[in-house]
C-alpha atoms as a PDB file:
ATOM      1  CA  UNK A   1     -17.664  36.821   4.327  1.00  0.00           C
ATOM      2  CA  UNK A   2     -16.878  36.529   8.020  1.00  0.00           C
ATOM      3  CA  UNK A   3     -14.642  38.691  10.624  1.00  0.00           C
ATOM      4  CA  UNK A   4     -11.524  37.321  12.196  1.00  0.00           C
ATOM      5  CA  UNK A   5      -9.343  38.544  14.713  1.00  0.00           C
ATOM      6  CA  UNK A   6      -5.756  38.305  15.011  1.00  0.00           C
ATOM      7  CA  UNK A   7      -4.790  35.526  16.769  1.00  0.00           C
ATOM      8  CA  UNK A   8      -3.006  37.356  19.398  1.00  0.00           C
ATOM      9  CA  UNK A   9      -6.656  38.471  20.875  1.00  0.00           C
ATOM     10  CA  UNK A  10      -7.974  37.660  24.509  1.00  0.00           C
ATOM     11  CA  UNK A  11     -10.698  35.666  24.447  1.00  0.00           C
ATOM     12  CA  UNK A  12     -12.985  38.187  26.159  1.00  0.00           C
ATOM     13  CA  UNK A  13     -12.207  40.762  23.640  1.00  0.00           C
ATOM     14  CA  UNK A  14     -12.122  38.241  21.007  1.00  0.00           C
ATOM     15  CA  UNK A  15     -15.797  37.717  21.628  1.00  0.00           C
ATOM     16  CA  UNK A  16     -16.986  41.311  22.322  1.00  0.00           C
ATOM     17  CA  UNK A  17     -15.285  42.036  18.539  1.00  0.00           C
ATOM     18  CA  UNK A  18     -17.397  39.245  16.950  1.00  0.00           C
ATOM     19  CA  UNK A  19     -20.982  40.412  18.832  1.00  0.00           C
ATOM     20  CA  UNK A  20     -20.099  43.935  18.034  1.00  0.00           C
ATOM     21  CA  UNK A  21     -19.133  43.104  13.936  1.00  0.00           C
ATOM     22  CA  UNK A  22     -22.544  40.781  14.593  1.00  0.00           C
ATOM     23  CA  UNK A  23     -24.651  44.405  15.517  1.00  0.00           C
ATOM     24  CA  UNK A  24     -23.201  45.838  12.937  1.00  0.00           C
ATOM     25  CA  UNK A  25     -23.823  43.166   9.995  1.00  0.00           C
ATOM     26  CA  UNK A  26     -27.076  42.470  11.483  1.00  0.00           C
ATOM     27  CA  UNK A  27     -28.854  45.532  12.968  1.00  0.00           C
ATOM     28  CA  UNK A  28     -26.461  48.352  11.085  1.00  0.00           C
ATOM     29  CA  UNK A  29     -24.769  49.057  14.642  1.00  0.00           C
ATOM     30  CA  UNK A  30     -21.479  49.912  13.166  1.00  0.00           C
ATOM     31  CA  UNK A  31     -19.482  52.229  15.269  1.00  0.00           C
ATOM     32  CA  UNK A  32     -16.769  54.072  15.202  1.00  0.00           C
ATOM     33  CA  UNK A  33     -13.488  52.381  15.296  1.00  0.00           C
ATOM     34  CA  UNK A  34     -12.000  54.100  18.382  1.00  0.00           C
ATOM     35  CA  UNK A  35     -15.395  53.106  20.237  1.00  0.00           C
ATOM     36  CA  UNK A  36     -15.244  49.333  18.894  1.00  0.00           C
ATOM     37  CA  UNK A  37     -12.116  48.900  20.008  1.00  0.00           C
ATOM     38  CA  UNK A  38     -13.192  50.655  23.497  1.00  0.00           C
ATOM     39  CA  UNK A  39     -15.563  48.724  24.174  1.00  0.00           C
ATOM     40  CA  UNK A  40     -14.006  45.403  23.140  1.00  0.00           C
ATOM     41  CA  UNK A  41     -10.971  45.894  24.851  1.00  0.00           C
ATOM     42  CA  UNK A  42     -13.291  46.303  28.809  1.00  0.00           C
ATOM     43  CA  UNK A  43     -12.038  44.003  31.289  1.00  0.00           C
ATOM     44  CA  UNK A  44     -15.343  43.324  32.880  1.00  0.00           C
ATOM     45  CA  UNK A  45     -19.105  44.135  31.500  1.00  0.00           C
ATOM     46  CA  UNK A  46     -22.648  43.811  32.420  1.00  0.00           C
ATOM     47  CA  UNK A  47     -25.008  43.567  29.979  1.00  0.00           C
ATOM     48  CA  UNK A  48     -26.957  47.052  29.730  1.00  0.00           C
ATOM     49  CA  UNK A  49     -23.837  48.893  30.230  1.00  0.00           C
ATOM     50  CA  UNK A  50     -22.498  47.185  26.717  1.00  0.00           C
ATOM     51  CA  UNK A  51     -25.697  48.191  25.372  1.00  0.00           C
ATOM     52  CA  UNK A  52     -25.781  52.066  26.368  1.00  0.00           C
ATOM     53  CA  UNK A  53     -22.077  52.242  24.949  1.00  0.00           C
ATOM     54  CA  UNK A  54     -22.961  50.677  21.541  1.00  0.00           C
ATOM     55  CA  UNK A  55     -25.725  52.977  21.730  1.00  0.00           C
ATOM     56  CA  UNK A  56     -23.729  55.721  22.807  1.00  0.00           C
ATOM     57  CA  UNK A  57     -21.216  55.314  20.053  1.00  0.00           C
ATOM     58  CA  UNK A  58     -23.994  55.158  17.231  1.00  0.00           C
ATOM     59  CA  UNK A  59     -24.878  58.614  18.575  1.00  0.00           C
ATOM     60  CA  UNK A  60     -28.048  57.866  19.905  1.00  0.00           C
ATOM     61  CA  UNK A  61     -29.462  58.328  23.564  1.00  0.00           C
ATOM     62  CA  UNK A  62     -29.795  55.367  25.658  1.00  0.00           C
ATOM     63  CA  UNK A  63     -32.621  57.091  28.044  1.00  0.00           C
ATOM     64  CA  UNK A  64     -34.633  57.165  24.824  1.00  0.00           C
ATOM     65  CA  UNK A  65     -33.760  53.682  23.465  1.00  0.00           C
ATOM     66  CA  UNK A  66     -35.895  50.997  25.491  1.00  0.00           C
ATOM     67  CA  UNK A  67     -36.238  49.214  21.947  1.00  0.00           C
ATOM     68  CA  UNK A  68     -33.141  49.317  21.251  1.00  0.00           C
ATOM     69  CA  UNK A  69     -31.433  48.881  25.000  1.00  0.00           C
ATOM     70  CA  UNK A  70     -33.558  45.760  25.419  1.00  0.00           C
ATOM     71  CA  UNK A  71     -32.596  44.062  21.988  1.00  0.00           C
ATOM     72  CA  UNK A  72     -28.717  44.474  22.807  1.00  0.00           C
ATOM     73  CA  UNK A  73     -29.233  43.247  25.979  1.00  0.00           C
ATOM     74  CA  UNK A  74     -31.085  40.730  25.108  1.00  0.00           C
ATOM     75  CA  UNK A  75     -28.443  39.696  22.474  1.00  0.00           C
ATOM     76  CA  UNK A  76     -25.395  39.666  24.806  1.00  0.00           C
ATOM     77  CA  UNK A  77     -27.258  37.615  27.569  1.00  0.00           C
ATOM     78  CA  UNK A  78     -27.911  35.130  24.699  1.00  0.00           C
ATOM     79  CA  UNK A  79     -24.441  35.384  23.527  1.00  0.00           C
ATOM     80  CA  UNK A  80     -22.475  35.413  26.437  1.00  0.00           C
ATOM     81  CA  UNK A  81     -25.202  32.755  28.626  1.00  0.00           C
ATOM     82  CA  UNK A  82     -25.489  35.678  31.456  1.00  0.00           C
ATOM     83  CA  UNK A  83     -26.017  39.396  31.911  1.00  0.00           C
ATOM     84  CA  UNK A  84     -22.522  39.736  33.367  1.00  0.00           C
ATOM     85  CA  UNK A  85     -18.643  38.446  31.751  1.00  0.00           C
ATOM     86  CA  UNK A  86     -15.585  39.176  33.276  1.00  0.00           C
ATOM     87  CA  UNK A  87     -11.875  38.938  31.772  1.00  0.00           C
ATOM     88  CA  UNK A  88     -10.981  37.091  34.876  1.00  0.00           C
ATOM     89  CA  UNK A  89     -13.323  34.002  34.543  1.00  0.00           C
ATOM     90  CA  UNK A  90     -14.446  34.318  30.975  1.00  0.00           C
ATOM     91  CA  UNK A  91     -15.923  30.947  29.124  1.00  0.00           C
ATOM     92  CA  UNK A  92     -15.849  31.049  25.741  1.00  0.00           C
ATOM     93  CA  UNK A  93     -19.489  29.152  25.201  1.00  0.00           C
ATOM     94  CA  UNK A  94     -19.068  28.010  22.117  1.00  0.00           C
ATOM     95  CA  UNK A  95     -15.641  25.662  22.569  1.00  0.00           C
ATOM     96  CA  UNK A  96     -17.201  25.341  26.391  1.00  0.00           C
ATOM     97  CA  UNK A  97     -13.859  26.374  27.711  1.00  0.00           C
ATOM     98  CA  UNK A  98     -11.722  28.932  29.938  1.00  0.00           C
ATOM     99  CA  UNK A  99      -8.685  29.484  27.731  1.00  0.00           C
ATOM    100  CA  UNK A 100      -5.192  29.951  29.745  1.00  0.00           C
ATOM    101  CA  UNK A 101      -4.438  33.951  28.310  1.00  0.00           C
ATOM    102  CA  UNK A 102      -1.183  35.612  28.837  1.00  0.00           C
ATOM    103  CA  UNK A 103      -0.531  38.876  27.391  1.00  0.00           C
ATOM    104  CA  UNK A 104       2.391  38.511  25.787  1.00  0.00           C
END
């Protein structure tokens, strides 16, 4: 059984939701819903900032968790093909397209 966000979710938010879901299922980083919402709704992320936010939400100190910082940063970069994503230029790597998105 997988995870499927609502149809009206912006592309970058949707892909961050998927990544957070994968981190929960694969590595046990099942962060509180309010932190997950805040992270997935970001308009811009660098891989290391994303990793810090996930670890902080999990109640860990990112400065003391170098191995997890590296792992989460790497999975972010692998997922998005870059260490930086921005809502205005976000391209869905799976479909290889930049979706036209307008908030309703």
